[in-house]
PDB file of N, CA and C in Angstrom:
ATOM      1  N   UNK A   1      50.714  22.844 -11.514  1.00  0.00           N
ATOM      2  CA  UNK A   1      50.416  23.927 -12.435  1.00  0.00           C
ATOM      3  C   UNK A   1      50.158  23.338 -13.828  1.00  0.00           C
ATOM      4  N   UNK A   2      49.089  23.760 -14.451  1.00  0.00           N
ATOM      5  CA  UNK A   2      48.730  23.305 -15.787  1.00  0.00           C
ATOM      6  C   UNK A   2      49.691  23.907 -16.818  1.00  0.00           C
ATOM      7  N   UNK A   3      50.166  23.089 -17.734  1.00  0.00           N
ATOM      8  CA  UNK A   3      51.026  23.586 -18.810  1.00  0.00           C
ATOM      9  C   UNK A   3      50.153  24.272 -19.852  1.00  0.00           C
ATOM     10  N   UNK A   4      50.566  25.444 -20.265  1.00  0.00           N
ATOM     11  CA  UNK A   4      49.804  26.201 -21.249  1.00  0.00           C
ATOM     12  C   UNK A   4      50.693  26.535 -22.440  1.00  0.00           C
ATOM     13  N   UNK A   5      50.067  26.864 -23.540  1.00  0.00           N
ATOM     14  CA  UNK A   5      50.791  27.304 -24.726  1.00  0.00           C
ATOM     15  C   UNK A   5      51.133  28.781 -24.585  1.00  0.00           C
ATOM     16  N   UNK A   6      52.095  29.227 -25.366  1.00  0.00           N
ATOM     17  CA  UNK A   6      52.583  30.601 -25.207  1.00  0.00           C
ATOM     18  C   UNK A   6      51.474  31.638 -25.378  1.00  0.00           C
ATOM     19  N   UNK A   7      50.566  31.421 -26.331  1.00  0.00           N
ATOM     20  CA  UNK A   7      49.498  32.404 -26.552  1.00  0.00           C
ATOM     21  C   UNK A   7      48.528  32.455 -25.374  1.00  0.00           C
ATOM     22  N   UNK A   8      48.415  31.371 -24.636  1.00  0.00           N
ATOM     23  CA  UNK A   8      47.582  31.381 -23.429  1.00  0.00           C
ATOM     24  C   UNK A   8      48.307  32.094 -22.293  1.00  0.00           C
ATOM     25  N   UNK A   9      49.599  31.869 -22.192  1.00  0.00           N
ATOM     26  CA  UNK A   9      50.408  32.482 -21.140  1.00  0.00           C
ATOM     27  C   UNK A   9      50.576  33.988 -21.363  1.00  0.00           C
ATOM     28  N   UNK A  10      50.937  34.363 -22.586  1.00  0.00           N
ATOM     29  CA  UNK A  10      51.186  35.775 -22.917  1.00  0.00           C
ATOM     30  C   UNK A  10      49.911  36.555 -23.216  1.00  0.00           C
ATOM     31  N   UNK A  11      48.832  35.826 -23.547  1.00  0.00           N
ATOM     32  CA  UNK A  11      47.553  36.462 -23.903  1.00  0.00           C
ATOM     33  C   UNK A  11      47.718  37.474 -25.041  1.00  0.00           C
ATOM     34  N   UNK A  12      48.474  37.057 -26.054  1.00  0.00           N
ATOM     35  CA  UNK A  12      48.767  37.941 -27.193  1.00  0.00           C
ATOM     36  C   UNK A  12      47.607  38.040 -28.170  1.00  0.00           C
ATOM     37  N   UNK A  13      46.741  37.023 -28.230  1.00  0.00           N
ATOM     38  CA  UNK A  13      45.615  37.043 -29.154  1.00  0.00           C
ATOM     39  C   UNK A  13      45.990  36.729 -30.591  1.00  0.00           C
ATOM     40  N   UNK A  14      47.242  36.286 -30.837  1.00  0.00           N
ATOM     41  CA  UNK A  14      47.678  36.003 -32.201  1.00  0.00           C
ATOM     42  C   UNK A  14      47.508  34.545 -32.604  1.00  0.00           C
ATOM     43  N   UNK A  15      46.924  33.719 -31.736  1.00  0.00           N
ATOM     44  CA  UNK A  15      46.692  32.333 -32.120  1.00  0.00           C
ATOM     45  C   UNK A  15      45.615  32.273 -33.196  1.00  0.00           C
ATOM     46  N   UNK A  16      45.508  31.139 -33.862  1.00  0.00           N
ATOM     47  CA  UNK A  16      44.498  30.941 -34.889  1.00  0.00           C
ATOM     48  C   UNK A  16      43.130  31.265 -34.301  1.00  0.00           C
ATOM     49  N   UNK A  17      42.398  32.153 -34.920  1.00  0.00           N
ATOM     50  CA  UNK A  17      41.095  32.642 -34.459  1.00  0.00           C
ATOM     51  C   UNK A  17      41.196  33.489 -33.190  1.00  0.00           C
ATOM     52  N   UNK A  18      42.392  33.986 -32.868  1.00  0.00           N
ATOM     53  CA  UNK A  18      42.573  34.851 -31.703  1.00  0.00           C
ATOM     54  C   UNK A  18      42.001  36.239 -31.939  1.00  0.00           C
ATOM     55  N   UNK A  19      41.721  36.971 -30.873  1.00  0.00           N
ATOM     56  CA  UNK A  19      41.068  38.277 -30.989  1.00  0.00           C
ATOM     57  C   UNK A  19      41.951  39.356 -31.618  1.00  0.00           C
ATOM     58  N   UNK A  20      43.256  39.155 -31.709  1.00  0.00           N
ATOM     59  CA  UNK A  20      44.134  40.142 -32.341  1.00  0.00           C
ATOM     60  C   UNK A  20      44.780  39.621 -33.629  1.00  0.00           C
ATOM     61  N   UNK A  21      44.407  38.416 -34.049  1.00  0.00           N
ATOM     62  CA  UNK A  21      45.005  37.804 -35.233  1.00  0.00           C
ATOM     63  C   UNK A  21      44.742  38.627 -36.497  1.00  0.00           C
ATOM     64  N   UNK A  22      43.578  39.214 -36.606  1.00  0.00           N
ATOM     65  CA  UNK A  22      43.260  40.016 -37.791  1.00  0.00           C
ATOM     66  C   UNK A  22      44.133  41.270 -37.865  1.00  0.00           C
ATOM     67  N   UNK A  23      44.424  41.879 -36.727  1.00  0.00           N
ATOM     68  CA  UNK A  23      45.223  43.105 -36.694  1.00  0.00           C
ATOM     69  C   UNK A  23      46.726  42.838 -36.722  1.00  0.00           C
ATOM     70  N   UNK A  24      47.180  41.837 -35.953  1.00  0.00           N
ATOM     71  CA  UNK A  24      48.615  41.589 -35.805  1.00  0.00           C
ATOM     72  C   UNK A  24      49.125  40.408 -36.620  1.00  0.00           C
ATOM     73  N   UNK A  25      48.213  39.644 -37.190  1.00  0.00           N
ATOM     74  CA  UNK A  25      48.588  38.458 -37.938  1.00  0.00           C
ATOM     75  C   UNK A  25      48.575  37.226 -37.044  1.00  0.00           C
ATOM     76  N   UNK A  26      48.436  36.082 -37.677  1.00  0.00           N
ATOM     77  CA  UNK A  26      48.433  34.828 -36.930  1.00  0.00           C
ATOM     78  C   UNK A  26      49.878  34.459 -36.614  1.00  0.00           C
ATOM     79  N   UNK A  27      50.136  34.134 -35.381  1.00  0.00           N
ATOM     80  CA  UNK A  27      51.473  33.782 -34.940  1.00  0.00           C
ATOM     81  C   UNK A  27      51.910  32.466 -35.578  1.00  0.00           C
ATOM     82  N   UNK A  28      53.126  32.435 -36.131  1.00  0.00           N
ATOM     83  CA  UNK A  28      53.614  31.204 -36.731  1.00  0.00           C
ATOM     84  C   UNK A  28      53.719  30.042 -35.739  1.00  0.00           C
ATOM     85  N   UNK A  29      53.893  30.327 -34.472  1.00  0.00           N
ATOM     86  CA  UNK A  29      53.970  29.253 -33.467  1.00  0.00           C
ATOM     87  C   UNK A  29      52.645  28.516 -33.350  1.00  0.00           C
ATOM     88  N   UNK A  30      51.544  29.212 -33.580  1.00  0.00           N
ATOM     89  CA  UNK A  30      50.236  28.579 -33.454  1.00  0.00           C
ATOM     90  C   UNK A  30      49.876  27.732 -34.668  1.00  0.00           C
ATOM     91  N   UNK A  31      50.696  27.778 -35.705  1.00  0.00           N
ATOM     92  CA  UNK A  31      50.448  26.998 -36.912  1.00  0.00           C
ATOM     93  C   UNK A  31      51.581  26.023 -37.225  1.00  0.00           C
ATOM     94  N   UNK A  32      52.660  26.052 -36.480  1.00  0.00           N
ATOM     95  CA  UNK A  32      53.835  25.228 -36.755  1.00  0.00           C
ATOM     96  C   UNK A  32      53.616  23.795 -36.273  1.00  0.00           C
ATOM     97  N   UNK A  33      53.231  22.925 -37.194  1.00  0.00           N
ATOM     98  CA  UNK A  33      52.950  21.547 -36.813  1.00  0.00           C
ATOM     99  C   UNK A  33      54.220  20.712 -36.654  1.00  0.00           C
ATOM    100  N   UNK A  34      55.349  21.215 -37.126  1.00  0.00           N
ATOM    101  CA  UNK A  34      56.616  20.497 -36.973  1.00  0.00           C
ATOM    102  C   UNK A  34      56.956  20.306 -35.502  1.00  0.00           C
ATOM    103  N   UNK A  35      56.600  21.277 -34.669  1.00  0.00           N
ATOM    104  CA  UNK A  35      56.911  21.232 -33.244  1.00  0.00           C
ATOM    105  C   UNK A  35      55.710  20.824 -32.384  1.00  0.00           C
ATOM    106  N   UNK A  36      54.679  20.299 -33.022  1.00  0.00           N
ATOM    107  CA  UNK A  36      53.493  19.868 -32.290  1.00  0.00           C
ATOM    108  C   UNK A  36      53.867  18.789 -31.274  1.00  0.00           C
ATOM    109  N   UNK A  37      53.463  18.984 -30.052  1.00  0.00           N
ATOM    110  CA  UNK A  37      53.727  18.026 -28.995  1.00  0.00           C
ATOM    111  C   UNK A  37      55.019  18.253 -28.232  1.00  0.00           C
ATOM    112  N   UNK A  38      55.902  19.113 -28.742  1.00  0.00           N
ATOM    113  CA  UNK A  38      57.146  19.403 -28.033  1.00  0.00           C
ATOM    114  C   UNK A  38      56.806  20.076 -26.702  1.00  0.00           C
ATOM    115  N   UNK A  39      57.322  19.561 -25.636  1.00  0.00           N
ATOM    116  CA  UNK A  39      57.050  20.047 -24.280  1.00  0.00           C
ATOM    117  C   UNK A  39      55.553  20.021 -23.970  1.00  0.00           C
ATOM    118  N   UNK A  40      54.832  19.099 -24.595  1.00  0.00           N
ATOM    119  CA  UNK A  40      53.384  18.914 -24.401  1.00  0.00           C
ATOM    120  C   UNK A  40      52.562  20.089 -24.917  1.00  0.00           C
ATOM    121  N   UNK A  41      53.062  20.799 -25.913  1.00  0.00           N
ATOM    122  CA  UNK A  41      52.343  21.939 -26.461  1.00  0.00           C
ATOM    123  C   UNK A  41      51.574  21.615 -27.725  1.00  0.00           C
ATOM    124  N   UNK A  42      50.661  22.497 -28.068  1.00  0.00           N
ATOM    125  CA  UNK A  42      49.932  22.409 -29.329  1.00  0.00           C
ATOM    126  C   UNK A  42      50.722  23.203 -30.352  1.00  0.00           C
ATOM    127  N   UNK A  43      50.948  22.598 -31.520  1.00  0.00           N
ATOM    128  CA  UNK A  43      51.820  23.188 -32.544  1.00  0.00           C
ATOM    129  C   UNK A  43      53.140  23.563 -31.867  1.00  0.00           C
ATOM    130  N   UNK A  44      53.572  24.816 -31.954  1.00  0.00           N
ATOM    131  CA  UNK A  44      54.815  25.228 -31.294  1.00  0.00           C
ATOM    132  C   UNK A  44      54.515  26.068 -30.055  1.00  0.00           C
ATOM    133  N   UNK A  45      53.381  25.823 -29.449  1.00  0.00           N
ATOM    134  CA  UNK A  45      52.923  26.614 -28.311  1.00  0.00           C
ATOM    135  C   UNK A  45      53.807  26.578 -27.084  1.00  0.00           C
ATOM    136  N   UNK A  46      54.666  25.563 -26.970  1.00  0.00           N
ATOM    137  CA  UNK A  46      55.604  25.512 -25.856  1.00  0.00           C
ATOM    138  C   UNK A  46      57.037  25.505 -26.355  1.00  0.00           C
ATOM    139  N   UNK A  47      57.215  25.825 -27.629  1.00  0.00           N
ATOM    140  CA  UNK A  47      58.550  25.952 -28.228  1.00  0.00           C
ATOM    141  C   UNK A  47      58.579  27.174 -29.141  1.00  0.00           C
ATOM    142  N   UNK A  48      57.799  28.179 -28.791  1.00  0.00           N
ATOM    143  CA  UNK A  48      57.655  29.371 -29.631  1.00  0.00           C
ATOM    144  C   UNK A  48      58.968  30.128 -29.815  1.00  0.00           C
ATOM    145  N   UNK A  49      59.864  30.020 -28.854  1.00  0.00           N
ATOM    146  CA  UNK A  49      61.162  30.679 -28.936  1.00  0.00           C
ATOM    147  C   UNK A  49      61.982  30.157 -30.113  1.00  0.00           C
ATOM    148  N   UNK A  50      61.624  28.991 -30.631  1.00  0.00           N
ATOM    149  CA  UNK A  50      62.369  28.397 -31.742  1.00  0.00           C
ATOM    150  C   UNK A  50      61.783  28.762 -33.101  1.00  0.00           C
ATOM    151  N   UNK A  51      60.745  29.601 -33.119  1.00  0.00           N
ATOM    152  CA  UNK A  51      60.054  29.933 -34.357  1.00  0.00           C
ATOM    153  C   UNK A  51      60.209  31.425 -34.661  1.00  0.00           C
ATOM    154  N   UNK A  52      60.764  31.743 -35.828  1.00  0.00           N
ATOM    155  CA  UNK A  52      60.881  33.148 -36.252  1.00  0.00           C
ATOM    156  C   UNK A  52      59.489  33.707 -36.527  1.00  0.00           C
ATOM    157  N   UNK A  53      59.290  34.978 -36.217  1.00  0.00           N
ATOM    158  CA  UNK A  53      58.024  35.646 -36.476  1.00  0.00           C
ATOM    159  C   UNK A  53      57.080  35.676 -35.294  1.00  0.00           C
ATOM    160  N   UNK A  54      57.502  35.103 -34.161  1.00  0.00           N
ATOM    161  CA  UNK A  54      56.668  35.184 -32.972  1.00  0.00           C
ATOM    162  C   UNK A  54      56.815  36.569 -32.355  1.00  0.00           C
ATOM    163  N   UNK A  55      55.922  36.943 -31.480  1.00  0.00           N
ATOM    164  CA  UNK A  55      55.966  38.267 -30.868  1.00  0.00           C
ATOM    165  C   UNK A  55      56.416  38.155 -29.418  1.00  0.00           C
ATOM    166  N   UNK A  56      57.351  38.987 -29.030  1.00  0.00           N
ATOM    167  CA  UNK A  56      57.818  39.019 -27.656  1.00  0.00           C
ATOM    168  C   UNK A  56      58.112  40.471 -27.293  1.00  0.00           C
ATOM    169  N   UNK A  57      57.569  40.922 -26.206  1.00  0.00           N
ATOM    170  CA  UNK A  57      57.794  42.302 -25.797  1.00  0.00           C
ATOM    171  C   UNK A  57      57.223  43.313 -26.775  1.00  0.00           C
ATOM    172  N   UNK A  58      56.165  42.921 -27.486  1.00  0.00           N
ATOM    173  CA  UNK A  58      55.525  43.829 -28.428  1.00  0.00           C
ATOM    174  C   UNK A  58      56.225  43.944 -29.771  1.00  0.00           C
ATOM    175  N   UNK A  59      57.265  43.132 -30.002  1.00  0.00           N
ATOM    176  CA  UNK A  59      57.999  43.168 -31.264  1.00  0.00           C
ATOM    177  C   UNK A  59      58.031  41.792 -31.909  1.00  0.00           C
ATOM    178  N   UNK A  60      57.870  41.780 -33.231  1.00  0.00           N
ATOM    179  CA  UNK A  60      57.995  40.532 -33.968  1.00  0.00           C
ATOM    180  C   UNK A  60      59.458  40.106 -33.884  1.00  0.00           C
ATOM    181  N   UNK A  61      59.673  38.848 -33.521  1.00  0.00           N
ATOM    182  CA  UNK A  61      61.027  38.334 -33.329  1.00  0.00           C
ATOM    183  C   UNK A  61      61.571  37.724 -34.613  1.00  0.00           C
ATOM    184  N   UNK A  62      62.847  37.808 -34.745  1.00  0.00           N
ATOM    185  CA  UNK A  62      63.535  37.308 -35.920  1.00  0.00           C
ATOM    186  C   UNK A  62      64.030  35.889 -35.739  1.00  0.00           C
ATOM    187  N   UNK A  63      65.258  35.645 -36.198  1.00  0.00           N
ATOM    188  CA  UNK A  63      65.810  34.290 -36.171  1.00  0.00           C
ATOM    189  C   UNK A  63      65.999  33.734 -34.767  1.00  0.00           C
ATOM    190  N   UNK A  64      66.171  32.446 -34.705  1.00  0.00           N
ATOM    191  CA  UNK A  64      66.294  31.708 -33.453  1.00  0.00           C
ATOM    192  C   UNK A  64      67.245  32.313 -32.429  1.00  0.00           C
ATOM    193  N   UNK A  65      68.466  32.676 -32.742  1.00  0.00           N
ATOM    194  CA  UNK A  65      69.352  33.184 -31.686  1.00  0.00           C
ATOM    195  C   UNK A  65      68.791  34.383 -30.927  1.00  0.00           C
ATOM    196  N   UNK A  66      68.128  35.280 -31.603  1.00  0.00           N
ATOM    197  CA  UNK A  66      67.559  36.440 -30.915  1.00  0.00           C
ATOM    198  C   UNK A  66      66.397  36.013 -30.027  1.00  0.00           C
ATOM    199  N   UNK A  67      65.578  35.084 -30.515  1.00  0.00           N
ATOM    200  CA  UNK A  67      64.449  34.611 -29.711  1.00  0.00           C
ATOM    201  C   UNK A  67      64.925  33.996 -28.408  1.00  0.00           C
ATOM    202  N   UNK A  68      65.972  33.220 -28.432  1.00  0.00           N
ATOM    203  CA  UNK A  68      66.471  32.577 -27.223  1.00  0.00           C
ATOM    204  C   UNK A  68      66.871  33.614 -26.197  1.00  0.00           C
ATOM    205  N   UNK A  69      67.486  34.691 -26.622  1.00  0.00           N
ATOM    206  CA  UNK A  69      67.941  35.725 -25.678  1.00  0.00           C
ATOM    207  C   UNK A  69      66.797  36.548 -25.121  1.00  0.00           C
ATOM    208  N   UNK A  70      65.718  36.720 -25.871  1.00  0.00           N
ATOM    209  CA  UNK A  70      64.684  37.667 -25.461  1.00  0.00           C
ATOM    210  C   UNK A  70      63.386  37.059 -24.969  1.00  0.00           C
ATOM    211  N   UNK A  71      63.122  35.803 -25.260  1.00  0.00           N
ATOM    212  CA  UNK A  71      61.798  35.245 -24.983  1.00  0.00           C
ATOM    213  C   UNK A  71      61.509  35.116 -23.489  1.00  0.00           C
ATOM    214  N   UNK A  72      62.403  34.553 -22.730  1.00  0.00           N
ATOM    215  CA  UNK A  72      62.176  34.407 -21.296  1.00  0.00           C
ATOM    216  C   UNK A  72      61.054  33.458 -20.956  1.00  0.00           C
ATOM    217  N   UNK A  73      60.946  32.342 -21.648  1.00  0.00           N
ATOM    218  CA  UNK A  73      59.862  31.414 -21.430  1.00  0.00           C
ATOM    219  C   UNK A  73      60.192  30.319 -20.435  1.00  0.00           C
ATOM    220  N   UNK A  74      61.222  30.467 -19.630  1.00  0.00           N
ATOM    221  CA  UNK A  74      61.573  29.436 -18.656  1.00  0.00           C
ATOM    222  C   UNK A  74      60.430  29.199 -17.679  1.00  0.00           C
ATOM    223  N   UNK A  75      59.601  30.207 -17.462  1.00  0.00           N
ATOM    224  CA  UNK A  75      58.499  30.062 -16.506  1.00  0.00           C
ATOM    225  C   UNK A  75      57.217  29.568 -17.152  1.00  0.00           C
ATOM    226  N   UNK A  76      57.200  29.432 -18.455  1.00  0.00           N
ATOM    227  CA  UNK A  76      55.993  29.060 -19.197  1.00  0.00           C
ATOM    228  C   UNK A  76      55.465  27.745 -18.809  1.00  0.00           C
TER     229      UNK A  76
END
């Protein structure tokens, strides 16, 4: 199975130049270069649960502890 970034898996459209970025904002995971390469992802694309401001379940997520409980990216 090919490893994909969260925006490819979730199809949220919030990645840089994504189809929903203008309406929902650009996801901080798609711009976070600190986590670039973690788990073979682009920017924080495979560590999005560690970035505040990402979207999960249709809601913008807050600090790290809440993201860990709600993201469910074990299958990513």
